[in-house]
PDB file of N, CA and C in Angstrom:
ATOM      1  N   MET A   1      14.082  14.050   2.947  1.00  0.00           N
ATOM      2  CA  MET A   1      14.968  13.527   1.916  1.00  0.00           C
ATOM      3  C   MET A   1      15.188  14.622   0.879  1.00  0.00           C
ATOM      4  N   GLU A   2      16.420  14.790   0.475  1.00  0.00           N
ATOM      5  CA  GLU A   2      16.746  15.765  -0.561  1.00  0.00           C
ATOM      6  C   GLU A   2      16.227  15.280  -1.907  1.00  0.00           C
ATOM      7  N   PHE A   3      15.873  16.235  -2.771  1.00  0.00           N
ATOM      8  CA  PHE A   3      15.300  15.892  -4.073  1.00  0.00           C
ATOM      9  C   PHE A   3      16.226  14.988  -4.885  1.00  0.00           C
ATOM     10  N   GLU A   4      17.513  15.320  -4.933  1.00  0.00           N
ATOM     11  CA  GLU A   4      18.460  14.525  -5.720  1.00  0.00           C
ATOM     12  C   GLU A   4      18.521  13.079  -5.215  1.00  0.00           C
ATOM     13  N   ALA A   5      18.483  12.913  -3.890  1.00  0.00           N
ATOM     14  CA  ALA A   5      18.495  11.567  -3.318  1.00  0.00           C
ATOM     15  C   ALA A   5      17.209  10.825  -3.659  1.00  0.00           C
ATOM     16  N   LEU A   6      16.104  11.539  -3.616  1.00  0.00           N
ATOM     17  CA  LEU A   6      14.816  10.934  -3.954  1.00  0.00           C
ATOM     18  C   LEU A   6      14.814  10.456  -5.399  1.00  0.00           C
ATOM     19  N   VAL A   7      15.239  11.327  -6.313  1.00  0.00           N
ATOM     20  CA  VAL A   7      15.274  10.950  -7.732  1.00  0.00           C
ATOM     21  C   VAL A   7      16.275   9.812  -7.950  1.00  0.00           C
ATOM     22  N   GLY A   8      17.411   9.888  -7.282  1.00  0.00           N
ATOM     23  CA  GLY A   8      18.428   8.852  -7.435  1.00  0.00           C
ATOM     24  C   GLY A   8      17.999   7.496  -6.904  1.00  0.00           C
ATOM     25  N   SER A   9      17.062   7.477  -5.966  1.00  0.00           N
ATOM     26  CA  SER A   9      16.613   6.209  -5.389  1.00  0.00           C
ATOM     27  C   SER A   9      15.450   5.595  -6.162  1.00  0.00           C
ATOM     28  N   ARG A  10      14.951   6.302  -7.156  1.00  0.00           N
ATOM     29  CA  ARG A  10      13.820   5.824  -7.953  1.00  0.00           C
ATOM     30  C   ARG A  10      14.204   4.569  -8.722  1.00  0.00           C
ATOM     31  N   ARG A  11      13.261   3.669  -8.880  1.00  0.00           N
ATOM     32  CA  ARG A  11      13.493   2.477  -9.694  1.00  0.00           C
ATOM     33  C   ARG A  11      12.211   2.115 -10.425  1.00  0.00           C
ATOM     34  N   SER A  12      12.364   1.418 -11.517  1.00  0.00           N
ATOM     35  CA  SER A  12      11.215   0.973 -12.304  1.00  0.00           C
ATOM     36  C   SER A  12      11.102  -0.536 -12.214  1.00  0.00           C
ATOM     37  N   ALA A  13       9.892  -1.017 -12.082  1.00  0.00           N
ATOM     38  CA  ALA A  13       9.641  -2.462 -12.045  1.00  0.00           C
ATOM     39  C   ALA A  13       9.061  -2.883 -13.386  1.00  0.00           C
ATOM     40  N   ARG A  14       9.672  -3.857 -13.996  1.00  0.00           N
ATOM     41  CA  ARG A  14       9.181  -4.343 -15.279  1.00  0.00           C
ATOM     42  C   ARG A  14       8.649  -5.781 -15.176  1.00  0.00           C
ATOM     43  N   GLY A  15       8.927  -6.405 -14.065  1.00  0.00           N
ATOM     44  CA  GLY A  15       8.425  -7.759 -13.845  1.00  0.00           C
ATOM     45  C   GLY A  15       7.370  -7.722 -12.749  1.00  0.00           C
ATOM     46  N   PHE A  16       6.288  -8.402 -12.960  1.00  0.00           N
ATOM     47  CA  PHE A  16       5.190  -8.347 -12.011  1.00  0.00           C
ATOM     48  C   PHE A  16       4.764  -9.748 -11.618  1.00  0.00           C
ATOM     49  N   LYS A  17       4.313  -9.873 -10.393  1.00  0.00           N
ATOM     50  CA  LYS A  17       3.780 -11.141  -9.916  1.00  0.00           C
ATOM     51  C   LYS A  17       2.429 -11.390 -10.576  1.00  0.00           C
ATOM     52  N   ASN A  18       2.089 -12.611 -10.722  1.00  0.00           N
ATOM     53  CA  ASN A  18       0.797 -12.978 -11.291  1.00  0.00           C
ATOM     54  C   ASN A  18      -0.214 -13.168 -10.151  1.00  0.00           C
ATOM     55  N   GLU A  19      -0.331 -12.119  -9.318  1.00  0.00           N
ATOM     56  CA  GLU A  19      -1.249 -12.164  -8.182  1.00  0.00           C
ATOM     57  C   GLU A  19      -2.180 -10.960  -8.251  1.00  0.00           C
ATOM     58  N   GLN A  20      -3.415 -11.176  -7.903  1.00  0.00           N
ATOM     59  CA  GLN A  20      -4.385 -10.088  -7.908  1.00  0.00           C
ATOM     60  C   GLN A  20      -4.082  -9.121  -6.760  1.00  0.00           C
ATOM     61  N   VAL A  21      -4.158  -7.833  -7.043  1.00  0.00           N
ATOM     62  CA  VAL A  21      -3.978  -6.809  -6.013  1.00  0.00           C
ATOM     63  C   VAL A  21      -5.290  -6.717  -5.237  1.00  0.00           C
ATOM     64  N   PRO A  22      -5.224  -6.787  -3.916  1.00  0.00           N
ATOM     65  CA  PRO A  22      -6.465  -6.714  -3.129  1.00  0.00           C
ATOM     66  C   PRO A  22      -7.209  -5.399  -3.375  1.00  0.00           C
ATOM     67  N   ARG A  23      -8.514  -5.506  -3.487  1.00  0.00           N
ATOM     68  CA  ARG A  23      -9.345  -4.329  -3.749  1.00  0.00           C
ATOM     69  C   ARG A  23      -9.123  -3.246  -2.689  1.00  0.00           C
ATOM     70  N   ALA A  24      -8.965  -3.643  -1.434  1.00  0.00           N
ATOM     71  CA  ALA A  24      -8.755  -2.669  -0.361  1.00  0.00           C
ATOM     72  C   ALA A  24      -7.480  -1.860  -0.601  1.00  0.00           C
ATOM     73  N   LEU A  25      -6.440  -2.489  -1.126  1.00  0.00           N
ATOM     74  CA  LEU A  25      -5.195  -1.784  -1.411  1.00  0.00           C
ATOM     75  C   LEU A  25      -5.391  -0.797  -2.563  1.00  0.00           C
ATOM     76  N   ILE A  26      -6.102  -1.212  -3.603  1.00  0.00           N
ATOM     77  CA  ILE A  26      -6.392  -0.314  -4.721  1.00  0.00           C
ATOM     78  C   ILE A  26      -7.173   0.901  -4.230  1.00  0.00           C
ATOM     79  N   GLU A  27      -8.168   0.664  -3.402  1.00  0.00           N
ATOM     80  CA  GLU A  27      -8.974   1.767  -2.870  1.00  0.00           C
ATOM     81  C   GLU A  27      -8.133   2.691  -1.997  1.00  0.00           C
ATOM     82  N   ALA A  28      -7.206   2.142  -1.205  1.00  0.00           N
ATOM     83  CA  ALA A  28      -6.339   2.962  -0.359  1.00  0.00           C
ATOM     84  C   ALA A  28      -5.406   3.824  -1.209  1.00  0.00           C
ATOM     85  N   ILE A  29      -4.878   3.262  -2.294  1.00  0.00           N
ATOM     86  CA  ILE A  29      -4.001   4.021  -3.187  1.00  0.00           C
ATOM     87  C   ILE A  29      -4.768   5.172  -3.830  1.00  0.00           C
ATOM     88  N   ILE A  30      -5.964   4.894  -4.316  1.00  0.00           N
ATOM     89  CA  ILE A  30      -6.776   5.942  -4.940  1.00  0.00           C
ATOM     90  C   ILE A  30      -7.153   7.001  -3.910  1.00  0.00           C
ATOM     91  N   ASP A  31      -7.479   6.573  -2.699  1.00  0.00           N
ATOM     92  CA  ASP A  31      -7.831   7.533  -1.644  1.00  0.00           C
ATOM     93  C   ASP A  31      -6.665   8.470  -1.349  1.00  0.00           C
ATOM     94  N   SER A  32      -5.453   7.936  -1.318  1.00  0.00           N
ATOM     95  CA  SER A  32      -4.268   8.779  -1.098  1.00  0.00           C
ATOM     96  C   SER A  32      -4.021   9.684  -2.299  1.00  0.00           C
ATOM     97  N   ALA A  33      -4.144   9.138  -3.488  1.00  0.00           N
ATOM     98  CA  ALA A  33      -3.852   9.899  -4.704  1.00  0.00           C
ATOM     99  C   ALA A  33      -4.803  11.067  -4.894  1.00  0.00           C
ATOM    100  N   LYS A  34      -6.038  10.926  -4.486  1.00  0.00           N
ATOM    101  CA  LYS A  34      -6.985  12.026  -4.715  1.00  0.00           C
ATOM    102  C   LYS A  34      -6.714  13.223  -3.829  1.00  0.00           C
ATOM    103  N   ARG A  35      -5.791  13.076  -2.888  1.00  0.00           N
ATOM    104  CA  ARG A  35      -5.384  14.205  -2.055  1.00  0.00           C
ATOM    105  C   ARG A  35      -4.182  14.942  -2.642  1.00  0.00           C
ATOM    106  N   ALA A  36      -3.679  14.473  -3.773  1.00  0.00           N
ATOM    107  CA  ALA A  36      -2.528  15.111  -4.401  1.00  0.00           C
ATOM    108  C   ALA A  36      -2.921  16.497  -4.898  1.00  0.00           C
ATOM    109  N   PRO A  37      -1.997  17.440  -4.826  1.00  0.00           N
ATOM    110  CA  PRO A  37      -2.328  18.791  -5.300  1.00  0.00           C
ATOM    111  C   PRO A  37      -2.506  18.824  -6.806  1.00  0.00           C
ATOM    112  N   SER A  38      -3.314  19.750  -7.258  1.00  0.00           N
ATOM    113  CA  SER A  38      -3.505  19.946  -8.691  1.00  0.00           C
ATOM    114  C   SER A  38      -3.420  21.436  -8.987  1.00  0.00           C
ATOM    115  N   SER A  39      -3.101  21.763 -10.207  1.00  0.00           N
ATOM    116  CA  SER A  39      -2.976  23.156 -10.616  1.00  0.00           C
ATOM    117  C   SER A  39      -4.292  23.899 -10.406  1.00  0.00           C
ATOM    118  N   MET A  40      -4.245  24.958  -9.647  1.00  0.00           N
ATOM    119  CA  MET A  40      -5.413  25.804  -9.372  1.00  0.00           C
ATOM    120  C   MET A  40      -6.604  25.002  -8.867  1.00  0.00           C
ATOM    121  N   ASN A  41      -6.328  23.896  -8.162  1.00  0.00           N
ATOM    122  CA  ASN A  41      -7.365  23.041  -7.578  1.00  0.00           C
ATOM    123  C   ASN A  41      -8.368  22.523  -8.612  1.00  0.00           C
ATOM    124  N   THR A  42      -7.871  22.253  -9.817  1.00  0.00           N
ATOM    125  CA  THR A  42      -8.754  21.781 -10.884  1.00  0.00           C
ATOM    126  C   THR A  42      -9.153  20.320 -10.722  1.00  0.00           C
ATOM    127  N   GLN A  43      -8.337  19.544 -10.040  1.00  0.00           N
ATOM    128  CA  GLN A  43      -8.598  18.122  -9.794  1.00  0.00           C
ATOM    129  C   GLN A  43      -9.033  17.384 -11.063  1.00  0.00           C
ATOM    130  N   PRO A  44      -8.134  17.309 -12.051  1.00  0.00           N
ATOM    131  CA  PRO A  44      -8.493  16.716 -13.343  1.00  0.00           C
ATOM    132  C   PRO A  44      -8.387  15.188 -13.386  1.00  0.00           C
ATOM    133  N   TRP A  45      -8.566  14.517 -12.264  1.00  0.00           N
ATOM    134  CA  TRP A  45      -8.309  13.081 -12.198  1.00  0.00           C
ATOM    135  C   TRP A  45      -9.378  12.268 -12.930  1.00  0.00           C
ATOM    136  N   HIS A  46      -8.912  11.272 -13.649  1.00  0.00           N
ATOM    137  CA  HIS A  46      -9.780  10.264 -14.272  1.00  0.00           C
ATOM    138  C   HIS A  46      -9.112   8.929 -13.992  1.00  0.00           C
ATOM    139  N   VAL A  47      -9.708   8.107 -13.167  1.00  0.00           N
ATOM    140  CA  VAL A  47      -9.100   6.851 -12.746  1.00  0.00           C
ATOM    141  C   VAL A  47      -9.929   5.694 -13.297  1.00  0.00           C
ATOM    142  N   HIS A  48      -9.229   4.743 -13.878  1.00  0.00           N
ATOM    143  CA  HIS A  48      -9.873   3.531 -14.391  1.00  0.00           C
ATOM    144  C   HIS A  48      -9.130   2.336 -13.811  1.00  0.00           C
ATOM    145  N   VAL A  49      -9.839   1.428 -13.201  1.00  0.00           N
ATOM    146  CA  VAL A  49      -9.246   0.218 -12.651  1.00  0.00           C
ATOM    147  C   VAL A  49      -9.918  -0.961 -13.340  1.00  0.00           C
ATOM    148  N   LEU A  50      -9.110  -1.754 -14.018  1.00  0.00           N
ATOM    149  CA  LEU A  50      -9.646  -2.900 -14.735  1.00  0.00           C
ATOM    150  C   LEU A  50      -9.168  -4.190 -14.092  1.00  0.00           C
ATOM    151  N   THR A  51     -10.046  -5.153 -14.034  1.00  0.00           N
ATOM    152  CA  THR A  51      -9.696  -6.485 -13.549  1.00  0.00           C
ATOM    153  C   THR A  51     -10.362  -7.497 -14.465  1.00  0.00           C
ATOM    154  N   GLY A  52      -9.951  -8.726 -14.344  1.00  0.00           N
ATOM    155  CA  GLY A  52     -10.591  -9.809 -15.076  1.00  0.00           C
ATOM    156  C   GLY A  52     -10.483  -9.682 -16.589  1.00  0.00           C
ATOM    157  N   ALA A  53     -11.567 -10.025 -17.281  1.00  0.00           N
ATOM    158  CA  ALA A  53     -11.586 -10.047 -18.745  1.00  0.00           C
ATOM    159  C   ALA A  53     -11.297  -8.682 -19.374  1.00  0.00           C
ATOM    160  N   PRO A  54     -11.855  -7.572 -18.858  1.00  0.00           N
ATOM    161  CA  PRO A  54     -11.529  -6.270 -19.466  1.00  0.00           C
ATOM    162  C   PRO A  54     -10.026  -5.961 -19.395  1.00  0.00           C
ATOM    163  N   ARG A  55      -9.398  -6.274 -18.275  1.00  0.00           N
ATOM    164  CA  ARG A  55      -7.956  -6.048 -18.128  1.00  0.00           C
ATOM    165  C   ARG A  55      -7.181  -6.917 -19.119  1.00  0.00           C
ATOM    166  N   ALA A  56      -7.572  -8.161 -19.242  1.00  0.00           N
ATOM    167  CA  ALA A  56      -6.894  -9.068 -20.178  1.00  0.00           C
ATOM    168  C   ALA A  56      -7.018  -8.554 -21.606  1.00  0.00           C
ATOM    169  N   GLU A  57      -8.168  -8.024 -21.962  1.00  0.00           N
ATOM    170  CA  GLU A  57      -8.381  -7.491 -23.312  1.00  0.00           C
ATOM    171  C   GLU A  57      -7.498  -6.271 -23.571  1.00  0.00           C
ATOM    172  N   VAL A  58      -7.399  -5.366 -22.610  1.00  0.00           N
ATOM    173  CA  VAL A  58      -6.544  -4.191 -22.768  1.00  0.00           C
ATOM    174  C   VAL A  58      -5.085  -4.628 -22.913  1.00  0.00           C
ATOM    175  N   ARG A  59      -4.644  -5.571 -22.112  1.00  0.00           N
ATOM    176  CA  ARG A  59      -3.261  -6.069 -22.208  1.00  0.00           C
ATOM    177  C   ARG A  59      -3.008  -6.704 -23.574  1.00  0.00           C
ATOM    178  N   ARG A  60      -3.965  -7.495 -24.050  1.00  0.00           N
ATOM    179  CA  ARG A  60      -3.812  -8.160 -25.347  1.00  0.00           C
ATOM    180  C   ARG A  60      -3.697  -7.132 -26.458  1.00  0.00           C
ATOM    181  N   ARG A  61      -4.580  -6.134 -26.447  1.00  0.00           N
ATOM    182  CA  ARG A  61      -4.556  -5.104 -27.498  1.00  0.00           C
ATOM    183  C   ARG A  61      -3.298  -4.254 -27.428  1.00  0.00           C
ATOM    184  N   ASN A  62      -2.846  -3.927 -26.236  1.00  0.00           N
ATOM    185  CA  ASN A  62      -1.600  -3.167 -26.099  1.00  0.00           C
ATOM    186  C   ASN A  62      -0.431  -3.944 -26.686  1.00  0.00           C
ATOM    187  N   MET A  63      -0.378  -5.229 -26.414  1.00  0.00           N
ATOM    188  CA  MET A  63       0.708  -6.065 -26.927  1.00  0.00           C
ATOM    189  C   MET A  63       0.663  -6.115 -28.449  1.00  0.00           C
ATOM    190  N   GLU A  64      -0.517  -6.278 -29.012  1.00  0.00           N
ATOM    191  CA  GLU A  64      -0.665  -6.316 -30.462  1.00  0.00           C
ATOM    192  C   GLU A  64      -0.176  -5.001 -31.089  1.00  0.00           C
ATOM    193  N   GLU A  65      -0.530  -3.877 -30.481  1.00  0.00           N
ATOM    194  CA  GLU A  65      -0.122  -2.573 -31.025  1.00  0.00           C
ATOM    195  C   GLU A  65       1.379  -2.361 -30.898  1.00  0.00           C
ATOM    196  N   MET A  66       1.980  -2.848 -29.848  1.00  0.00           N
ATOM    197  CA  MET A  66       3.421  -2.686 -29.675  1.00  0.00           C
ATOM    198  C   MET A  66       4.222  -3.538 -30.644  1.00  0.00           C
ATOM    199  N   VAL A  67       3.722  -4.738 -30.913  1.00  0.00           N
ATOM    200  CA  VAL A  67       4.428  -5.649 -31.813  1.00  0.00           C
ATOM    201  C   VAL A  67       4.241  -5.202 -33.246  1.00  0.00           C
ATOM    202  N   GLY A  68       3.114  -4.588 -33.506  1.00  0.00           N
ATOM    203  CA  GLY A  68       2.925  -3.946 -34.758  1.00  0.00           C
ATOM    204  C   GLY A  68       2.203  -4.577 -35.826  1.00  0.00           C
TER     205      GLY A  68
END
């Protein structure tokens, strides 16, 4: 695929289902992502996956900060 076509086909999702993402899918995504190239092989990745009450708290605080 040409770069321009790739960029042109990009879309953003702003609406999300209220369904839990299976842990196996999260692990598969992280496994793929850790193979991504990094500058000079520095591998500066820091991944945080939140579920349950911690996730709800982060969402609540983000909303409060955005509303002001």
